[in-house]
Amino acid sequence: MDKIKGHIVFMMAAALMFLLLAITVADFVISFKEHRPPDESIVSLLAMSISGVVGIVSGYLAGKTKE
């Protein structure tokens, strides 16, 4: 059961990081093509999301039973 929980947490964190990467790359490509700076909301989205991923992983590690 703990192994399944570990896989679920890993998949959630990896999927979120992939989604953030896709959003960031898309915004930077659009910014490059339109000759403008990257949107400020994307930067704040990244900051909040990375702290959320850290919270998810640390919550899992803190609640994990010791073997």
Protein backbone atom coordinates (compact mmCIF):
# COMPACT_ATOMS: atom_id res chain seq x y z
CA MET A 1 0.00 0.00 0.00
CA ASP A 2 2.82 2.43 0.81
CA LYS A 3 4.43 1.68 -2.52
CA ILE A 4 1.23 2.62 -4.33
CA LYS A 5 1.00 5.88 -2.37
CA GLY A 6 4.58 6.67 -3.34
CA HIS A 7 3.81 6.10 -7.01
CA ILE A 8 0.69 8.26 -6.81
CA VAL A 9 2.56 11.15 -5.19
CA PHE A 10 5.38 10.83 -7.72
CA MET A 11 2.91 10.80 -10.63
CA MET A 12 1.06 13.84 -9.26
CA ALA A 13 4.26 15.81 -8.79
CA ALA A 14 5.67 14.77 -12.17
CA ALA A 15 2.44 15.58 -14.01
CA LEU A 16 2.22 18.98 -12.36
CA MET A 17 5.84 19.77 -13.21
CA PHE A 18 5.29 18.67 -16.83
CA LEU A 19 2.19 20.85 -17.10
CA LEU A 20 4.07 23.83 -15.67
CA LEU A 21 6.92 23.23 -18.09
CA ALA A 22 4.52 23.13 -21.04
CA ILE A 23 2.78 26.36 -19.94
CA THR A 24 6.11 28.12 -19.39
CA VAL A 25 7.61 27.06 -22.71
CA ALA A 26 4.45 28.07 -24.55
CA ASP A 27 4.45 31.50 -22.92
CA PHE A 28 8.13 32.06 -23.67
CA VAL A 29 7.63 31.05 -27.31
CA ILE A 30 4.71 33.47 -27.64
CA SER A 31 6.72 36.19 -25.91
CA PHE A 32 9.65 35.63 -28.26
CA LYS A 33 7.46 35.76 -31.36
CA GLU A 34 5.65 38.91 -30.23
CA HIS A 35 8.84 40.62 -28.97
CA ARG A 36 7.48 41.25 -25.48
CA PRO A 37 8.57 40.21 -21.98
CA PRO A 38 7.09 37.06 -20.43
CA ASP A 39 3.75 37.51 -18.73
CA GLU A 40 4.04 38.28 -15.01
CA SER A 41 1.15 35.95 -14.16
CA ILE A 42 3.14 32.97 -15.50
CA VAL A 43 6.04 33.80 -13.20
CA SER A 44 3.75 34.03 -10.17
CA LEU A 45 2.01 30.78 -11.23
CA LEU A 46 5.39 29.04 -11.27
CA ALA A 47 6.34 30.38 -7.85
CA MET A 48 3.08 29.28 -6.23
CA SER A 49 3.00 25.91 -7.98
CA ILE A 50 6.55 24.96 -7.05
CA SER A 51 5.82 25.71 -3.41
CA GLY A 52 2.70 23.54 -3.76
CA VAL A 53 4.71 20.63 -5.15
CA VAL A 54 7.17 20.97 -2.29
CA GLY A 55 4.22 20.92 0.13
CA ILE A 56 2.75 17.77 -1.45
CA VAL A 57 6.03 15.88 -1.36
CA SER A 58 6.98 17.03 2.14
CA GLY A 59 3.52 16.15 3.43
CA TYR A 60 3.89 12.68 1.98
CA LEU A 61 7.36 12.24 3.45
CA ALA A 62 6.29 13.54 6.87
CA GLY A 63 3.29 11.21 7.00
CA LYS A 64 5.20 8.19 5.78
CA THR A 65 5.62 5.41 8.32
CA LYS A 66 9.17 4.49 9.25
CA GLU A 67 10.28 0.97 8.45
